[in-house]
């Protein structure tokens, strides 16, 4: 919910994104990962989940949020 509020606030500002081949204003894409912590799960696993989700968000047209758990 927090990521979506941040994304919407920035989107409303319509900050020009000059020289961009993607869009005319700045947007945010978020990749969120979640795991149930235990002694086996390494921090790198959480980072990988979030990174994978971010690239899914970008692939889905950007300016969105993807959650990977």
Protein backbone atom coordinates (compact mmCIF):
# COMPACT_ATOMS: atom_id res chain seq x y z
CA UNK A 1 0.00 0.00 0.00
CA UNK A 2 2.85 2.36 0.79
CA UNK A 3 4.54 1.72 -2.57
CA UNK A 4 1.27 2.43 -4.39
CA UNK A 5 0.78 5.72 -2.52
CA UNK A 6 4.31 6.80 -3.42
CA UNK A 7 3.83 5.76 -7.05
CA UNK A 8 0.57 7.71 -7.35
CA UNK A 9 2.00 10.85 -5.72
CA UNK A 10 4.91 10.95 -8.15
CA UNK A 11 2.67 10.20 -11.12
CA UNK A 12 0.39 13.14 -10.26
CA UNK A 13 3.38 15.50 -10.37
CA UNK A 14 3.97 14.72 -14.07
CA UNK A 15 7.68 15.53 -13.78
CA UNK A 16 9.02 15.89 -17.35
CA UNK A 17 11.34 13.09 -18.44
CA UNK A 18 13.12 14.79 -21.27
CA UNK A 19 15.24 12.71 -23.63
CA UNK A 20 13.44 9.52 -22.57
CA UNK A 21 12.44 6.97 -25.16
CA UNK A 22 10.10 5.34 -22.62
CA UNK A 23 7.72 8.11 -21.55
CA UNK A 24 7.19 11.83 -21.32
CA UNK A 25 7.22 11.99 -17.51
CA UNK A 26 9.03 10.25 -14.63
CA UNK A 27 7.32 7.16 -13.24
CA UNK A 28 8.13 4.54 -10.61
CA UNK A 29 8.12 0.78 -10.89
CA UNK A 30 8.39 -1.26 -7.71
CA UNK A 31 9.45 -4.85 -7.22
CA UNK A 32 8.52 -6.19 -3.82
CA UNK A 33 9.71 -9.51 -2.45
CA UNK A 34 8.59 -11.30 0.68
CA UNK A 35 9.72 -14.42 2.48
CA UNK A 36 8.97 -16.06 5.78
CA UNK A 37 12.19 -15.59 7.73
CA UNK A 38 14.02 -18.61 9.03
CA UNK A 39 17.61 -19.68 9.57
CA UNK A 40 17.93 -21.10 6.04
CA UNK A 41 16.70 -18.09 4.02
CA UNK A 42 19.51 -15.76 3.05
CA UNK A 43 19.07 -12.00 2.52
CA UNK A 44 20.14 -12.49 -1.11
CA UNK A 45 16.99 -14.57 -1.66
CA UNK A 46 14.81 -11.61 -0.72
CA UNK A 47 16.78 -9.28 -2.96
CA UNK A 48 16.45 -11.72 -5.87
CA UNK A 49 12.66 -11.93 -5.38
CA UNK A 50 12.37 -8.13 -5.37
CA UNK A 51 14.64 -7.77 -8.41
CA UNK A 52 12.65 -10.35 -10.36
CA UNK A 53 9.41 -8.57 -9.44
CA UNK A 54 10.87 -5.23 -10.56
CA UNK A 55 11.66 -6.59 -14.02
CA UNK A 56 8.15 -8.04 -14.27
CA UNK A 57 6.76 -4.57 -13.41
CA UNK A 58 8.93 -2.98 -16.09
CA UNK A 59 7.87 -5.65 -18.58
CA UNK A 60 4.23 -4.98 -17.78
CA UNK A 61 4.51 -1.42 -19.04
CA UNK A 62 6.26 0.26 -16.10
CA UNK A 63 4.67 2.60 -13.57
CA UNK A 64 3.31 -0.32 -11.56
CA UNK A 65 4.02 -2.62 -8.64
CA UNK A 66 4.70 -6.35 -8.69
CA UNK A 67 4.94 -8.59 -5.65
CA UNK A 68 6.92 -11.80 -5.63
CA UNK A 69 6.72 -14.16 -2.68
